[in-house]
Amino acid sequence: MRPWLRIFLIGFVLWAATLVVTEWTSNSNLVPTLVLLGSFLVPVTFVVWAYERGRSAEVTVELLFTAFVVGGVLGVLGASLLESWLLRPSLAVYLGVGLIEEGVKLIALMVVTRKMARRTMRDGLVLGATVGFGFSAFESAGYAFNALFTPTGLSLAQLVETEVLRGVLAPVGHGLWTAIAGGVLFGAGGRLTGRVLLAYLGVSLLHGLWDSMNAIAIALTLLLTGKSWQFDQLRIGRVPEVTETQVHLYTVLDLGGLLVVSVAGLLWLRAIARAAAKR
């Protein structure tokens, strides 16, 4: 059995067992274990998978661990500070989030790999993905922790739903975007060239589109099927009721948009991986 698959299966069994015991005993001391297992399982699995496919003498287990933990934490802390200082509610807020988070992850990647004597595109893909998945794991832990608290008390169901949703989406999120940026960065020898800047702007745009897809789907649904009375309610600051047709259209647009963004990122990653294989 492949190491990545073994890690995933063992981790999933431990997570499921922790969930059952927590629910059965109502022991809140087990909640941190549930949060950490659920948040780190998929990111760690994909890091191991990427390492197996792109094994290199330069990418040691120690460097991989440093990229995941140190790079991930630096990214989360940097993003939190910059977003609190620079972002304000606006139509472009999600683009700002993309620019900040992709920027801090790229800087974190440069920091943890600064002593590498030799850089290849393949190493950049692996280490970029590792930093991205580290960021994703720590961010998901925060979302899961916040989901636990509701106006009516602690909700284990919401915590689990958040972990499952973010786990399913993790492979086409932070890890993918930073892998792309890392591959281009290492392909340029670790220098900030024009191509690296374009890659950074490109993954930031994908990130911003991903985060804003909910709002985009709502806007498109209203644009295509909105009724005059709904717009009248919006003008006076009220949330209008929606029709069943609009609910279905919103769902299609939201999921379809996420699919388009994911496919675009995967095709870009595939092109970089093929270029790396030719070098």
Protein backbone atom coordinates (compact mmCIF):
# COMPACT_ATOMS: atom_id res chain seq x y z
CA MET A 1 0.00 0.00 0.00
CA ARG A 2 1.23 3.48 -0.89
CA PRO A 3 2.45 5.52 2.11
CA TRP A 4 0.04 8.39 1.34
CA LEU A 5 -2.92 6.00 1.23
CA ARG A 6 -1.84 4.30 4.45
CA ILE A 7 -1.54 7.69 6.17
CA PHE A 8 -4.99 8.73 4.96
CA LEU A 9 -6.70 5.50 6.01
CA ILE A 10 -5.07 5.38 9.44
CA GLY A 11 -5.77 9.06 10.00
CA PHE A 12 -9.38 8.72 8.89
CA VAL A 13 -9.97 5.78 11.23
CA LEU A 14 -8.46 7.74 14.14
CA TRP A 15 -10.57 10.80 13.27
CA ALA A 16 -13.77 8.71 13.03
CA ALA A 17 -12.97 6.95 16.32
CA THR A 18 -12.36 10.30 18.02
CA LEU A 19 -15.67 11.60 16.68
CA VAL A 20 -17.59 8.57 17.95
CA VAL A 21 -15.98 8.66 21.40
CA THR A 22 -16.46 12.43 21.70
CA GLU A 23 -20.14 12.15 20.81
CA TRP A 24 -20.63 9.13 23.07
CA THR A 25 -18.87 10.48 26.15
CA SER A 26 -19.46 14.24 25.65
CA ASN A 27 -15.83 14.70 26.63
CA SER A 28 -14.87 18.19 25.46
CA ASN A 29 -11.18 17.39 26.09
CA LEU A 30 -11.27 15.37 22.85
CA VAL A 31 -12.39 18.33 20.71
CA PRO A 32 -8.83 19.61 20.02
CA THR A 33 -7.85 16.10 18.86
CA LEU A 34 -10.86 16.06 16.53
CA VAL A 35 -10.03 19.51 15.18
CA LEU A 36 -6.37 18.69 14.52
CA LEU A 37 -6.96 15.27 12.97
CA GLY A 38 -9.73 16.54 10.72
CA SER A 39 -7.86 19.68 9.65
CA PHE A 40 -4.47 18.08 8.98
CA LEU A 41 -5.48 14.70 7.50
CA VAL A 42 -6.03 15.70 3.87
CA PRO A 43 -3.22 18.32 3.68
CA VAL A 44 -0.65 15.88 5.13
CA THR A 45 -1.87 13.11 2.83
CA PHE A 46 -1.39 15.28 -0.25
CA VAL A 47 2.04 16.46 0.88
CA VAL A 48 3.17 12.84 1.14
CA TRP A 49 1.60 12.09 -2.26
CA ALA A 50 3.40 15.05 -3.85
CA TYR A 51 6.69 14.06 -2.21
CA GLU A 52 6.42 10.52 -3.57
CA ARG A 53 5.80 11.76 -7.11
CA GLY A 54 8.52 14.40 -6.99
CA ARG A 55 11.16 12.80 -4.78
CA SER A 56 14.45 14.73 -4.89
CA ALA A 57 17.76 14.68 -3.07
CA GLU A 58 17.31 18.37 -2.29
CA VAL A 59 13.87 17.93 -0.73
CA THR A 60 14.54 16.18 2.57
CA VAL A 61 11.94 15.13 5.10
CA GLU A 62 13.30 17.83 7.43
CA LEU A 63 12.81 20.50 4.76
CA LEU A 64 9.35 19.16 3.98
CA PHE A 65 8.39 19.38 7.66
CA THR A 66 9.79 22.91 7.91
CA ALA A 67 7.90 24.01 4.80
CA PHE A 68 4.64 22.57 6.12
CA VAL A 69 4.82 23.84 9.70
CA VAL A 70 6.99 26.95 9.58
CA GLY A 71 5.85 27.99 6.11
CA GLY A 72 2.22 27.34 6.96
CA VAL A 73 2.31 29.24 10.25
CA LEU A 74 4.24 32.17 8.77
CA GLY A 75 1.66 32.35 5.99
CA VAL A 76 -1.31 32.30 8.35
CA LEU A 77 0.19 34.91 10.68
CA GLY A 78 1.29 37.18 7.85
CA ALA A 79 -2.08 36.96 6.12
CA SER A 80 -3.95 37.69 9.36
CA LEU A 81 -1.90 40.81 10.08
CA LEU A 82 -2.02 42.22 6.55
CA GLU A 83 -5.73 41.52 6.06
CA SER A 84 -6.60 43.25 9.33
CA TRP A 85 -4.46 46.27 8.38
CA LEU A 86 -5.24 46.62 4.69
CA LEU A 87 -8.64 45.17 3.86
CA ARG A 88 -11.95 46.95 4.23
CA PRO A 89 -15.40 45.81 3.07
CA SER A 90 -15.62 46.42 -0.69
CA LEU A 91 -16.35 44.70 -4.00
CA ALA A 92 -12.64 43.94 -4.38
CA VAL A 93 -12.09 42.49 -0.90
CA TYR A 94 -11.71 38.91 -2.15
CA LEU A 95 -9.12 39.94 -4.70
CA GLY A 96 -7.27 41.61 -1.85
CA VAL A 97 -7.44 38.38 0.15
CA GLY A 98 -6.01 36.47 -2.80
CA LEU A 99 -3.16 38.93 -3.31
CA ILE A 100 -2.26 38.94 0.40
CA GLU A 101 -2.50 35.20 1.08
CA GLU A 102 -0.70 34.14 -2.09
CA GLY A 103 1.94 36.78 -1.43
CA VAL A 104 2.67 35.69 2.13
CA LYS A 105 2.78 32.02 1.13
CA LEU A 106 5.25 32.79 -1.64
CA ILE A 107 7.42 34.76 0.78
CA ALA A 108 7.18 31.94 3.33
CA LEU A 109 8.32 29.50 0.64
CA MET A 110 11.30 31.71 -0.16
CA VAL A 111 12.20 31.94 3.54
CA VAL A 112 12.13 28.20 4.27
CA THR A 113 14.05 27.31 1.07
CA ARG A 114 16.62 30.11 1.20
CA LYS A 115 19.51 27.71 1.91
CA MET A 116 18.80 25.33 -0.97
CA ALA A 117 21.87 25.08 -3.18
CA ARG A 118 19.98 23.81 -6.22
CA ARG A 119 16.39 24.48 -7.29
CA THR A 120 14.31 22.67 -9.89
CA MET A 121 10.76 23.27 -11.01
CA ARG A 122 9.77 19.88 -9.63
CA ASP A 123 11.15 20.83 -6.20
CA GLY A 124 9.24 24.10 -6.40
CA LEU A 125 6.01 22.27 -7.14
CA VAL A 126 6.46 19.94 -4.15
CA LEU A 127 7.63 22.56 -1.66
CA GLY A 128 5.10 25.12 -2.87
CA ALA A 129 2.32 22.59 -2.39
CA THR A 130 3.72 21.77 1.07
CA VAL A 131 3.65 25.41 2.20
CA GLY A 132 0.16 25.79 0.74
CA PHE A 133 -1.18 22.68 2.45
CA GLY A 134 0.43 23.77 5.72
CA PHE A 135 -1.41 27.09 5.40
CA SER A 136 -4.62 25.21 4.59
CA ALA A 137 -4.28 22.88 7.59
CA PHE A 138 -3.79 25.67 10.14
CA GLU A 139 -6.52 27.79 8.55
CA SER A 140 -8.95 24.85 8.53
CA ALA A 141 -8.25 24.22 12.22
CA GLY A 142 -9.32 27.80 12.91
CA TYR A 143 -12.50 27.46 10.86
CA ALA A 144 -13.36 24.16 12.55
CA PHE A 145 -12.79 25.66 15.99
CA ASN A 146 -15.04 28.65 15.21
CA ALA A 147 -17.73 26.37 13.76
CA LEU A 148 -17.96 24.61 17.11
CA PHE A 149 -19.51 27.67 18.76
CA THR A 150 -23.14 28.53 18.01
CA PRO A 151 -25.74 30.78 19.71
CA THR A 152 -27.32 27.66 21.22
CA GLY A 153 -24.07 26.14 22.49
CA LEU A 154 -21.36 23.85 21.18
CA SER A 155 -22.17 22.09 17.90
CA LEU A 156 -20.12 19.01 17.08
CA ALA A 157 -22.14 18.58 13.88
CA GLN A 158 -21.08 21.99 12.52
CA LEU A 159 -17.45 21.28 13.39
CA VAL A 160 -17.56 17.98 11.48
CA GLU A 161 -19.38 19.52 8.50
CA THR A 162 -16.74 22.26 8.28
CA GLU A 163 -13.87 19.77 8.44
CA VAL A 164 -15.39 17.47 5.83
CA LEU A 165 -16.17 20.33 3.41
CA ARG A 166 -12.72 21.89 3.73
CA GLY A 167 -11.09 18.47 3.47
CA VAL A 168 -12.90 17.73 0.21
CA LEU A 169 -11.97 21.12 -1.25
CA ALA A 170 -8.38 21.21 0.08
CA PRO A 171 -6.72 19.59 -2.99
CA VAL A 172 -7.89 22.42 -5.28
CA GLY A 173 -7.20 25.27 -2.88
CA HIS A 174 -4.09 26.64 -1.18
CA GLY A 175 -1.88 23.67 -2.01
CA LEU A 176 -2.66 23.90 -5.73
CA TRP A 177 -2.15 27.65 -5.98
CA THR A 178 1.14 27.72 -4.09
CA ALA A 179 2.42 24.69 -6.01
CA ILE A 180 1.94 26.67 -9.23
CA ALA A 181 3.70 29.74 -7.83
CA GLY A 182 6.48 27.59 -6.36
CA GLY A 183 7.10 25.77 -9.63
CA VAL A 184 7.41 29.03 -11.55
CA LEU A 185 9.60 30.57 -8.81
CA PHE A 186 12.03 27.65 -8.78
CA GLY A 187 11.98 27.54 -12.57
CA ALA A 188 13.35 31.09 -12.42
CA GLY A 189 16.09 30.00 -10.00
CA GLY A 190 14.32 31.50 -6.98
CA ARG A 191 14.43 35.02 -8.42
CA LEU A 192 11.45 37.36 -8.62
CA THR A 193 11.24 37.69 -12.40
CA GLY A 194 8.39 39.00 -14.53
CA ARG A 195 7.15 35.45 -15.08
CA VAL A 196 7.05 34.85 -11.32
CA LEU A 197 5.10 38.09 -10.83
CA LEU A 198 2.59 37.04 -13.50
CA ALA A 199 2.21 33.62 -11.85
CA TYR A 200 1.63 35.31 -8.49
CA LEU A 201 -1.04 37.57 -9.98
CA GLY A 202 -2.61 34.60 -11.76
CA VAL A 203 -2.94 32.39 -8.69
CA SER A 204 -4.14 35.41 -6.68
CA LEU A 205 -6.89 35.90 -9.26
CA LEU A 206 -7.88 32.22 -9.05
CA HIS A 207 -7.90 32.52 -5.26
CA GLY A 208 -10.02 35.67 -5.37
CA LEU A 209 -12.50 34.12 -7.81
CA TRP A 210 -12.76 31.02 -5.63
CA ASP A 211 -13.49 33.03 -2.49
CA SER A 212 -15.97 35.34 -4.24
CA MET A 213 -17.86 32.63 -6.15
CA ASN A 214 -20.74 32.73 -3.67
CA ALA A 215 -21.26 36.45 -4.27
CA ILE A 216 -20.74 36.06 -8.02
CA ALA A 217 -23.35 33.29 -8.18
CA ILE A 218 -25.87 35.42 -6.26
CA ALA A 219 -25.26 38.42 -8.52
CA LEU A 220 -25.59 36.34 -11.70
CA THR A 221 -28.74 34.67 -10.41
CA LEU A 222 -30.37 38.05 -9.74
CA LEU A 223 -29.14 39.42 -13.06
CA LEU A 224 -30.59 36.50 -15.00
CA THR A 225 -33.80 35.81 -13.07
CA GLY A 226 -34.32 38.73 -10.68
CA LYS A 227 -37.83 40.14 -10.27
CA SER A 228 -38.60 43.83 -9.92
CA TRP A 229 -39.95 43.35 -6.40
CA GLN A 230 -36.71 41.65 -5.36
CA PHE A 231 -34.65 44.62 -6.54
CA ASP A 232 -37.06 46.97 -4.75
CA GLN A 233 -36.44 45.10 -1.49
CA LEU A 234 -32.69 45.22 -2.02
CA ARG A 235 -32.83 49.01 -2.53
CA ILE A 236 -34.35 49.46 0.92
CA GLY A 237 -31.85 47.13 2.55
CA ARG A 238 -34.04 44.05 2.92
CA VAL A 239 -33.13 40.51 1.90
CA PRO A 240 -35.76 39.36 -0.62
CA GLU A 241 -37.29 35.92 -0.69
CA VAL A 242 -36.05 33.72 -3.53
CA THR A 243 -37.83 31.33 -5.83
CA GLU A 244 -37.09 27.61 -6.11
CA THR A 245 -35.76 28.19 -9.63
CA GLN A 246 -33.33 30.80 -8.32
CA VAL A 247 -32.08 28.44 -5.62
CA HIS A 248 -31.30 25.77 -8.23
CA LEU A 249 -29.67 28.29 -10.58
CA TYR A 250 -27.54 29.70 -7.76
CA THR A 251 -26.34 26.21 -6.83
CA VAL A 252 -25.40 25.43 -10.44
CA LEU A 253 -23.57 28.73 -10.88
CA ASP A 254 -21.74 28.44 -7.56
CA LEU A 255 -20.57 24.85 -8.03
CA GLY A 256 -19.94 25.40 -11.74
CA GLY A 257 -17.79 28.43 -11.01
CA LEU A 258 -15.73 26.55 -8.44
CA LEU A 259 -15.29 23.73 -10.95
CA VAL A 260 -14.07 26.13 -13.64
CA VAL A 261 -11.55 27.73 -11.26
CA SER A 262 -10.34 24.29 -10.13
CA VAL A 263 -9.93 22.99 -13.68
CA ALA A 264 -8.04 26.12 -14.70
CA GLY A 265 -5.64 25.67 -11.77
CA LEU A 266 -5.15 21.96 -12.43
CA LEU A 267 -4.45 22.52 -16.13
CA TRP A 268 -1.93 25.21 -15.24
CA LEU A 269 -0.26 22.90 -12.74
CA ARG A 270 -0.17 20.12 -15.32
CA ALA A 271 1.55 22.39 -17.83
CA ILE A 272 4.22 23.34 -15.27
CA ALA A 273 4.72 19.67 -14.27
CA ARG A 274 5.22 18.72 -17.93
CA ALA A 275 7.71 21.54 -18.39
CA ALA A 276 9.57 20.35 -15.28
CA ALA A 277 9.73 16.79 -16.63
CA LYS A 278 11.45 18.01 -19.81
CA ARG A 279 14.24 19.77 -17.91
